Amino acid sequence: MDEGTQGLLILISISIVCSLIIHSVYRNYWVSAHIAAIISTILFQIADFVHRGYLDKFALIALIVGGFYAWLISLLVGFPFKFVRKSKSSDGKS
């Protein structure tokens, strides 16, 4: 496995874990998605810095692209939370 594939797997893993934690804590779907994307991207950049020992020259580009992918992952991970919370709130109103 090359370094690029490992980086993507690490980004996906960090994004999924952060999204699960944030969506379970915050009830607002959109705010949770944005917070999880920001935290995931920052944690990924920190992990990359620790791995390399220096900040990559394409760190700003990686921050933007990685943030977009982390946001998409957070939207996908958060959808079941939104669905369950919506069904629980509609069950309570009946």
Protein backbone atom coordinates (compact mmCIF):
# COMPACT_ATOMS: atom_id res chain seq x y z
CA MET A 1 0.00 0.00 0.00
CA ASP A 2 1.47 3.35 -0.97
CA GLU A 3 1.60 6.48 1.17
CA GLY A 4 -1.35 8.15 -0.57
CA THR A 5 -3.68 5.22 0.06
CA GLN A 6 -2.59 5.07 3.68
CA GLY A 7 -3.31 8.78 4.04
CA LEU A 8 -6.80 8.38 2.64
CA LEU A 9 -7.54 5.46 4.94
CA ILE A 10 -6.32 7.46 7.92
CA LEU A 11 -8.43 10.47 6.90
CA ILE A 12 -11.51 8.29 6.46
CA SER A 13 -10.94 6.57 9.81
CA ILE A 14 -10.43 9.84 11.68
CA SER A 15 -13.49 11.35 9.97
CA ILE A 16 -15.74 8.42 10.85
CA VAL A 17 -14.66 8.36 14.50
CA CYS A 18 -14.99 12.14 14.90
CA SER A 19 -18.36 12.14 13.17
CA LEU A 20 -19.70 9.38 15.40
CA ILE A 21 -18.59 11.20 18.53
CA ILE A 22 -19.79 14.66 17.48
CA HIS A 23 -23.14 13.50 16.10
CA SER A 24 -23.82 11.57 19.30
CA VAL A 25 -23.09 14.66 21.42
CA TYR A 26 -24.71 17.46 19.38
CA ARG A 27 -28.29 17.23 18.19
CA ASN A 28 -28.09 19.72 15.31
CA TYR A 29 -27.24 17.79 12.13
CA TRP A 30 -25.61 20.60 10.16
CA VAL A 31 -23.61 22.06 13.04
CA SER A 32 -22.39 18.57 13.96
CA ALA A 33 -21.31 17.91 10.39
CA HIS A 34 -19.29 21.12 10.23
CA ILE A 35 -17.68 20.65 13.65
CA ALA A 36 -16.76 17.04 12.85
CA ALA A 37 -15.24 18.04 9.50
CA ILE A 38 -13.13 20.79 11.08
CA ILE A 39 -11.89 18.57 13.92
CA SER A 40 -11.20 15.65 11.55
CA THR A 41 -9.18 17.80 9.19
CA ILE A 42 -7.13 19.35 11.98
CA LEU A 43 -6.45 15.94 13.55
CA PHE A 44 -5.39 14.57 10.17
CA GLN A 45 -2.98 17.45 9.63
CA ILE A 46 -1.53 16.91 13.11
CA ALA A 47 -1.12 13.18 12.39
CA ASP A 48 0.60 14.00 9.10
CA PHE A 49 2.91 16.47 10.83
CA VAL A 50 3.84 13.89 13.48
CA HIS A 51 4.44 11.24 10.81
CA ARG A 52 6.60 13.44 8.54
CA GLY A 53 8.25 15.59 11.15
CA TYR A 54 7.48 18.75 9.18
CA LEU A 55 4.48 20.48 7.62
CA ASP A 56 3.95 19.38 4.04
CA LYS A 57 4.18 22.09 1.38
CA PHE A 58 0.70 21.12 0.16
CA ALA A 59 -0.84 21.26 3.64
CA LEU A 60 -3.23 24.09 2.72
CA ILE A 61 -4.55 22.19 -0.28
CA ALA A 62 -4.82 19.02 1.81
CA LEU A 63 -6.70 21.00 4.45
CA ILE A 64 -9.29 22.19 1.94
CA VAL A 65 -9.72 18.91 0.06
CA GLY A 66 -9.55 16.81 3.21
CA GLY A 67 -12.07 19.09 4.89
CA PHE A 68 -14.49 18.63 2.01
CA TYR A 69 -14.18 14.84 2.17
CA ALA A 70 -14.45 14.87 5.96
CA TRP A 71 -17.61 16.98 5.65
CA LEU A 72 -19.15 14.51 3.18
CA ILE A 73 -18.29 11.60 5.46
CA SER A 74 -19.78 13.46 8.41
CA LEU A 75 -23.00 14.04 6.50
CA LEU A 76 -23.24 10.33 5.69
CA VAL A 77 -22.40 9.21 9.21
CA GLY A 78 -24.79 11.73 10.76
CA PHE A 79 -27.79 10.79 8.65
CA PRO A 80 -28.77 7.76 10.79
CA PHE A 81 -28.53 9.96 13.91
CA LYS A 82 -30.86 12.49 12.29
CA PHE A 83 -33.28 9.78 11.18
CA VAL A 84 -33.41 8.11 14.62
CA ARG A 85 -33.86 11.41 16.44
CA LYS A 86 -36.60 12.46 14.03
CA SER A 87 -38.45 9.15 14.43
CA LYS A 88 -38.15 9.34 18.24
CA SER A 89 -39.52 12.88 18.30
CA SER A 90 -42.44 11.97 16.01
CA ASP A 91 -43.23 8.89 18.15
CA GLY A 92 -43.44 11.07 21.25
CA LYS A 93 -45.90 13.49 19.61
CA SER A 94 -48.46 10.80 18.73
